[in-house]
Amino acid sequence: MASSSGTTGPLPDPSILEGVTPAPFVRLPDPASLFATRAARLDRLSQGSDLAPYLGFLRDIVRVQEAILPELPEPELPDPAALSLAREHAMPALDRNRFTADAAFETTFDRFLAAAEPVAKPEAAQAALARVASASPAERDGLTRNLLAETIPVDAVGEHVYAAAALQVHFTRLAARLDAAALVPVGDALCPACGGRPATSIVVNWPKSHGARYCTCALCGTWWNYVRVRCTACGSTKGIGYQEPEGGQGAIKAETCDTCNAYCKVLYLPVAHDMEPVADDVASLGLDLLMREGPYHRAAFNPFLLGY
């Protein structure tokens, strides 16, 4: 594995240099565009990949997510007082700890499970889908709570992948209805919309924000600006390094932190302009496997990489 030398402090963020228009703090998702883009990227990544069967399965799952969007009931946002309180106290707009399954989520879950039935899948995945479809309300709630807490039992990964896909649809629709201007930084690299850990971070090539870095949420699809050369797990700027496989082209690297021994991938859009955070995180599983050989643990959360 190739590595670059660490650094003891953050590099200047292009978004805050004098005379440069600041990069927007948040980019909220457009659900239809998000799932269509993700499915297309998974399709391209599956071509000739050793992970082709899984990437193809995820492509079809994401297509299901996109297909059920029309005519879903309107999701229930927190009331204005709760949103104002969250902003005042630098908390996520969508409180995971107080999540309740409204009619929109129940409908989303039911429609997703029904639409996922025809998707080609291994026998074990089909059995997992059947278990979720027949789950009691309490069992379904347990799947949801586990995902929102980002604590997944190793013996029920398959079931949680399907539940995660339904949650992604619901939370992406919720995040899309928030006011981006009302969101504020939350903790060390936690999603300002839903409070989740990032799946990856991504350096963008947008015309007015070239070189700015954003953390990306795999649950609600929100991107939020985060200074470069700073750990997304503990916030440290000391002992930050970058690693990639030998012969890597610099499109995806593991940003490592010697303070907390964590790593999170960084995707570089200037190098590969069509990358999609969740899809490319899964497709670069080989980098995670290489990182297991060293002292660093994965600090990111992607429900399609449960167990890694």
Protein backbone atom coordinates (compact mmCIF):
# COMPACT_ATOMS: atom_id res chain seq x y z
CA MET A 1 0.00 0.00 0.00
CA ALA A 2 1.26 3.45 -0.89
CA SER A 3 1.10 6.17 1.72
CA SER A 4 1.74 9.88 1.91
CA SER A 5 3.39 11.63 4.80
CA GLY A 6 1.21 12.86 7.63
CA THR A 7 0.74 16.47 8.58
CA THR A 8 0.32 18.27 11.88
CA GLY A 9 -2.17 20.92 10.82
CA PRO A 10 -4.94 21.68 8.35
CA LEU A 11 -4.19 23.01 4.91
CA PRO A 12 -6.00 26.24 3.99
CA ASP A 13 -9.56 25.45 2.95
CA PRO A 14 -10.18 26.91 -0.52
CA SER A 15 -13.69 27.79 0.58
CA ILE A 16 -12.48 30.39 3.08
CA LEU A 17 -9.56 32.03 1.26
CA GLU A 18 -9.81 35.80 0.94
CA GLY A 19 -11.60 36.87 -2.20
CA VAL A 20 -13.14 33.45 -2.81
CA THR A 21 -16.86 32.90 -2.42
CA PRO A 22 -17.31 30.56 0.56
CA ALA A 23 -18.44 27.06 -0.30
CA PRO A 24 -22.02 26.43 0.81
CA PHE A 25 -22.12 24.67 4.17
CA VAL A 26 -24.75 22.14 3.12
CA ARG A 27 -25.96 20.52 -0.06
CA LEU A 28 -29.31 18.87 0.57
CA PRO A 29 -30.36 15.88 -1.55
CA ASP A 30 -32.78 15.70 -4.43
CA PRO A 31 -34.14 12.17 -3.92
CA ALA A 32 -34.94 11.29 -7.53
CA SER A 33 -31.61 12.59 -8.79
CA LEU A 34 -29.67 10.98 -5.94
CA PHE A 35 -30.99 7.45 -6.50
CA ALA A 36 -30.81 7.70 -10.29
CA THR A 37 -27.19 8.87 -10.13
CA ARG A 38 -26.27 6.19 -7.60
CA ALA A 39 -27.85 3.40 -9.64
CA ALA A 40 -26.08 4.54 -12.79
CA ARG A 41 -22.74 4.69 -11.00
CA LEU A 42 -23.22 1.23 -9.49
CA ASP A 43 -23.99 -0.08 -12.96
CA ARG A 44 -20.75 1.36 -14.36
CA LEU A 45 -18.70 0.17 -11.39
CA SER A 46 -20.05 -3.38 -11.71
CA GLN A 47 -18.61 -3.79 -15.20
CA GLY A 48 -15.63 -6.10 -14.88
CA SER A 49 -15.42 -5.77 -11.10
CA ASP A 50 -14.70 -8.67 -8.76
CA LEU A 51 -17.66 -7.30 -6.78
CA ALA A 52 -19.95 -7.35 -9.82
CA PRO A 53 -22.65 -9.60 -8.30
CA TYR A 54 -23.03 -7.42 -5.21
CA LEU A 55 -22.74 -4.13 -7.08
CA GLY A 56 -25.37 -5.33 -9.54
CA PHE A 57 -27.66 -6.32 -6.68
CA LEU A 58 -27.24 -2.89 -5.06
CA ARG A 59 -27.88 -1.21 -8.43
CA ASP A 60 -31.23 -2.99 -8.64
CA ILE A 61 -32.06 -2.14 -5.03
CA VAL A 62 -31.33 1.53 -5.68
CA ARG A 63 -33.50 1.41 -8.78
CA VAL A 64 -36.29 0.13 -6.55
CA GLN A 65 -35.70 3.07 -4.20
CA GLU A 66 -36.06 5.47 -7.12
CA ALA A 67 -39.12 3.68 -8.51
CA ILE A 68 -41.19 3.94 -5.32
CA LEU A 69 -40.63 7.69 -4.84
CA PRO A 70 -43.68 8.88 -6.80
CA GLU A 71 -46.94 9.05 -4.83
CA LEU A 72 -45.41 8.32 -1.43
CA PRO A 73 -47.22 10.17 1.38
CA GLU A 74 -45.70 13.44 2.56
CA PRO A 75 -43.26 12.74 5.44
CA GLU A 76 -43.76 14.54 8.75
CA LEU A 77 -41.01 17.06 9.49
CA PRO A 78 -40.31 18.21 13.05
CA ASP A 79 -42.40 21.24 13.98
CA PRO A 80 -40.84 24.71 13.61
CA ALA A 81 -40.20 24.99 17.36
CA ALA A 82 -38.20 21.73 17.38
CA LEU A 83 -36.19 22.81 14.33
CA SER A 84 -35.43 26.17 15.96
CA LEU A 85 -34.33 24.46 19.19
CA ALA A 86 -32.06 22.12 17.24
CA ARG A 87 -30.40 25.05 15.52
CA GLU A 88 -30.01 26.97 18.78
CA HIS A 89 -28.26 24.07 20.48
CA ALA A 90 -26.24 22.89 17.45
CA MET A 91 -28.16 19.65 17.14
CA PRO A 92 -29.24 17.76 14.00
CA ALA A 93 -32.53 18.93 12.54
CA LEU A 94 -33.84 15.35 12.48
CA ASP A 95 -33.52 13.77 15.92
CA ARG A 96 -32.71 10.06 15.50
CA ASN A 97 -33.40 9.34 19.16
CA ARG A 98 -36.99 10.52 18.81
CA PHE A 99 -37.74 8.96 15.45
CA THR A 100 -41.22 7.49 15.15
CA ALA A 101 -42.57 5.60 12.18
CA ASP A 102 -45.19 7.87 10.64
CA ALA A 103 -47.59 6.85 7.87
CA ALA A 104 -45.11 7.94 5.22
CA PHE A 105 -42.38 5.68 6.57
CA GLU A 106 -44.68 2.69 6.99
CA THR A 107 -45.88 3.10 3.40
CA THR A 108 -42.31 3.54 2.16
CA PHE A 109 -41.18 0.39 3.96
CA ASP A 110 -44.09 -1.69 2.65
CA ARG A 111 -43.72 -0.47 -0.94
CA PHE A 112 -39.97 -1.00 -0.91
CA LEU A 113 -40.26 -4.59 0.32
CA ALA A 114 -42.89 -5.42 -2.29
CA ALA A 115 -40.90 -3.82 -5.10
CA ALA A 116 -37.67 -5.55 -4.02
CA GLU A 117 -39.22 -9.02 -4.30
CA PRO A 118 -38.55 -9.46 -8.06
CA VAL A 119 -34.93 -8.29 -7.79
CA ALA A 120 -32.51 -11.10 -8.64
CA LYS A 121 -30.70 -12.11 -5.49
CA PRO A 122 -28.92 -15.03 -3.82
CA GLU A 123 -30.98 -17.47 -1.78
CA ALA A 124 -29.69 -16.04 1.50
CA ALA A 125 -30.70 -12.53 0.46
CA GLN A 126 -34.15 -13.76 -0.56
CA ALA A 127 -34.57 -15.41 2.84
CA ALA A 128 -33.53 -12.19 4.58
CA LEU A 129 -36.09 -10.24 2.58
CA ALA A 130 -38.79 -12.74 3.55
CA ARG A 131 -37.90 -12.35 7.21
CA VAL A 132 -38.20 -8.58 7.01
CA ALA A 133 -41.48 -8.80 5.11
CA SER A 134 -42.96 -11.05 7.80
CA ALA A 135 -41.50 -9.12 10.74
CA SER A 136 -43.80 -7.91 13.47
CA PRO A 137 -44.11 -4.16 14.11
CA ALA A 138 -41.81 -4.55 17.10
CA GLU A 139 -39.22 -6.43 15.03
CA ARG A 140 -39.39 -3.86 12.26
CA ASP A 141 -38.94 -1.11 14.83
CA GLY A 142 -35.90 -2.97 16.18
CA LEU A 143 -34.30 -3.01 12.73
CA THR A 144 -34.91 0.71 12.41
CA ARG A 145 -33.51 1.51 15.85
CA ASN A 146 -30.38 -0.53 15.21
CA LEU A 147 -29.70 1.35 11.99
CA LEU A 148 -30.29 4.77 13.50
CA ALA A 149 -27.93 3.85 16.34
CA GLU A 150 -25.46 2.42 13.80
CA THR A 151 -25.18 -0.81 15.81
CA ILE A 152 -25.95 -3.83 13.64
CA PRO A 153 -25.98 -7.44 14.93
CA VAL A 154 -23.60 -9.52 12.85
CA ASP A 155 -26.17 -12.31 12.51
CA ALA A 156 -28.79 -10.07 10.88
CA VAL A 157 -26.84 -8.04 8.33
CA GLY A 158 -29.06 -9.07 5.41
CA GLU A 159 -32.26 -7.94 7.09
CA HIS A 160 -30.71 -4.61 7.99
CA VAL A 161 -29.62 -3.92 4.40
CA TYR A 162 -33.27 -3.96 3.31
CA ALA A 163 -34.41 -1.90 6.28
CA ALA A 164 -31.60 0.57 5.56
CA ALA A 165 -32.75 0.97 1.97
CA ALA A 166 -36.25 1.89 3.14
CA LEU A 167 -34.83 4.29 5.74
CA GLN A 168 -32.65 5.93 3.10
CA VAL A 169 -35.70 6.74 1.01
CA HIS A 170 -37.55 8.21 3.99
CA PHE A 171 -34.68 10.23 5.42
CA THR A 172 -33.62 11.50 2.01
CA ARG A 173 -37.14 12.81 1.50
CA LEU A 174 -37.06 14.43 4.95
CA ALA A 175 -33.66 16.05 4.38
CA ALA A 176 -34.77 17.38 1.00
CA ARG A 177 -37.52 19.35 2.76
CA LEU A 178 -35.23 21.06 5.29
CA ASP A 179 -33.99 24.64 5.01
CA ALA A 180 -30.29 24.40 4.21
CA ALA A 181 -29.69 27.90 5.57
CA ALA A 182 -31.03 26.84 8.97
CA LEU A 183 -28.60 23.95 9.44
CA VAL A 184 -25.50 24.35 11.62
CA PRO A 185 -22.35 22.28 12.29
CA VAL A 186 -22.95 19.36 14.65
CA GLY A 187 -20.16 17.71 16.66
CA ASP A 188 -17.12 16.33 14.86
CA ALA A 189 -18.24 15.61 11.30
CA LEU A 190 -21.78 14.51 12.16
CA CYS A 191 -24.49 15.09 9.59
CA PRO A 192 -26.23 18.40 10.38
CA ALA A 193 -29.48 17.01 8.97
CA CYS A 194 -29.75 13.61 10.70
CA GLY A 195 -26.72 13.30 13.00
CA GLY A 196 -25.13 10.31 11.28
CA ARG A 197 -21.47 9.58 10.74
CA PRO A 198 -20.19 10.22 7.22
CA ALA A 199 -19.90 7.37 4.75
CA THR A 200 -17.02 9.14 3.02
CA SER A 201 -15.72 12.61 2.45
CA ILE A 202 -15.37 14.04 -1.03
CA VAL A 203 -13.25 16.81 -2.52
CA VAL A 204 -15.37 18.62 -5.10
CA ASN A 205 -14.62 20.34 -8.38
CA TRP A 206 -17.57 22.73 -8.41
CA PRO A 207 -16.87 26.02 -10.23
CA LYS A 208 -17.10 28.25 -7.13
CA SER A 209 -15.95 25.66 -4.57
CA HIS A 210 -13.11 23.85 -6.33
CA GLY A 211 -11.08 21.88 -3.80
CA ALA A 212 -13.54 22.19 -0.93
CA ARG A 213 -14.26 19.01 1.03
CA TYR A 214 -17.66 17.68 2.00
CA CYS A 215 -18.63 14.84 4.29
CA THR A 216 -21.44 12.68 2.89
CA CYS A 217 -24.29 10.96 4.73
CA ALA A 218 -25.31 7.52 3.49
CA LEU A 219 -28.66 7.71 5.27
CA CYS A 220 -30.17 11.05 4.25
CA GLY A 221 -27.91 11.99 1.34
CA THR A 222 -26.81 15.34 2.81
CA TRP A 223 -23.32 16.72 2.06
CA TRP A 224 -21.75 19.19 4.48
CA ASN A 225 -18.58 21.25 4.23
CA TYR A 226 -15.69 20.05 6.41
CA VAL A 227 -12.16 21.42 6.55
CA ARG A 228 -9.53 19.30 4.81
CA VAL A 229 -6.75 17.44 6.66
CA ARG A 230 -8.89 16.98 9.74
CA CYS A 231 -10.04 13.64 11.14
CA THR A 232 -13.72 13.01 10.54
CA ALA A 233 -13.87 10.75 13.58
CA CYS A 234 -12.26 12.81 16.37
CA GLY A 235 -11.63 16.20 14.79
CA SER A 236 -7.85 16.08 15.29
CA THR A 237 -5.55 17.84 12.84
CA LYS A 238 -2.44 16.03 14.10
CA GLY A 239 -0.99 12.86 12.63
CA ILE A 240 -3.19 12.89 9.53
CA GLY A 241 -1.99 10.75 6.65
CA TYR A 242 -3.27 9.30 3.38
CA GLN A 243 -2.99 5.77 2.04
CA GLU A 244 -4.02 4.08 -1.17
CA PRO A 245 -3.19 0.77 -2.87
CA GLU A 246 0.02 0.52 -4.86
CA GLY A 247 -0.62 1.84 -8.34
CA GLY A 248 -3.63 3.87 -7.21
CA GLN A 249 -4.60 6.81 -9.39
CA GLY A 250 -5.34 9.15 -6.48
CA ALA A 251 -9.13 9.05 -6.89
CA ILE A 252 -9.80 7.40 -3.52
CA LYS A 253 -7.57 7.45 -0.46
CA ALA A 254 -7.91 6.47 3.18
CA GLU A 255 -7.42 9.47 5.43
CA THR A 256 -5.85 8.09 8.60
CA CYS A 257 -5.59 9.64 12.05
CA ASP A 258 -2.84 8.72 14.50
CA THR A 259 -4.77 10.36 17.35
CA CYS A 260 -7.71 7.95 17.32
CA ASN A 261 -6.42 5.28 14.88
CA ALA A 262 -9.43 5.73 12.63
CA TYR A 263 -9.73 6.21 8.88
CA CYS A 264 -12.33 7.46 6.46
CA LYS A 265 -12.10 7.45 2.68
CA VAL A 266 -11.63 10.65 0.71
CA LEU A 267 -12.95 10.72 -2.86
CA TYR A 268 -11.46 13.24 -5.30
CA LEU A 269 -13.90 14.46 -7.95
CA PRO A 270 -11.17 16.39 -9.79
CA VAL A 271 -9.55 13.00 -10.49
CA ALA A 272 -12.72 11.00 -11.29
CA HIS A 273 -15.62 13.35 -11.92
CA ASP A 274 -18.45 10.79 -11.91
CA MET A 275 -17.89 9.25 -8.48
CA GLU A 276 -20.86 8.82 -6.13
CA PRO A 277 -20.06 8.54 -2.41
CA VAL A 278 -22.09 5.48 -1.41
CA ALA A 279 -21.46 3.56 -4.65
CA ASP A 280 -17.73 4.24 -4.77
CA ASP A 281 -17.35 3.45 -1.09
CA VAL A 282 -18.73 -0.03 -1.72
CA ALA A 283 -16.76 -0.54 -4.93
CA SER A 284 -13.51 0.36 -3.16
CA LEU A 285 -13.94 -2.38 -0.56
CA GLY A 286 -10.46 -3.59 -1.47
CA LEU A 287 -9.03 -0.50 0.22
CA ASP A 288 -10.91 -1.38 3.42
CA LEU A 289 -9.50 -4.89 3.31
CA LEU A 290 -5.98 -3.50 2.93
CA MET A 291 -6.53 -1.11 5.83
CA ARG A 292 -7.43 -4.06 8.06
CA GLU A 293 -3.78 -5.09 7.91
CA GLY A 294 -2.73 -1.96 9.77
CA PRO A 295 -3.60 -0.22 13.03
CA TYR A 296 -6.53 1.83 11.72
CA HIS A 297 -10.23 1.02 12.04
CA ARG A 298 -13.00 2.19 9.73
CA ALA A 299 -14.89 5.08 11.32
CA ALA A 300 -17.38 5.64 8.49
CA PHE A 301 -20.91 4.23 8.27
CA ASN A 302 -22.39 2.87 5.06
CA PRO A 303 -25.35 0.46 5.46
CA PHE A 304 -24.31 -1.30 2.27
CA LEU A 305 -20.95 -2.17 3.83
CA LEU A 306 -22.23 -3.60 7.10
CA GLY A 307 -19.55 -5.75 8.71
CA TYR A 308 -16.69 -3.65 7.35
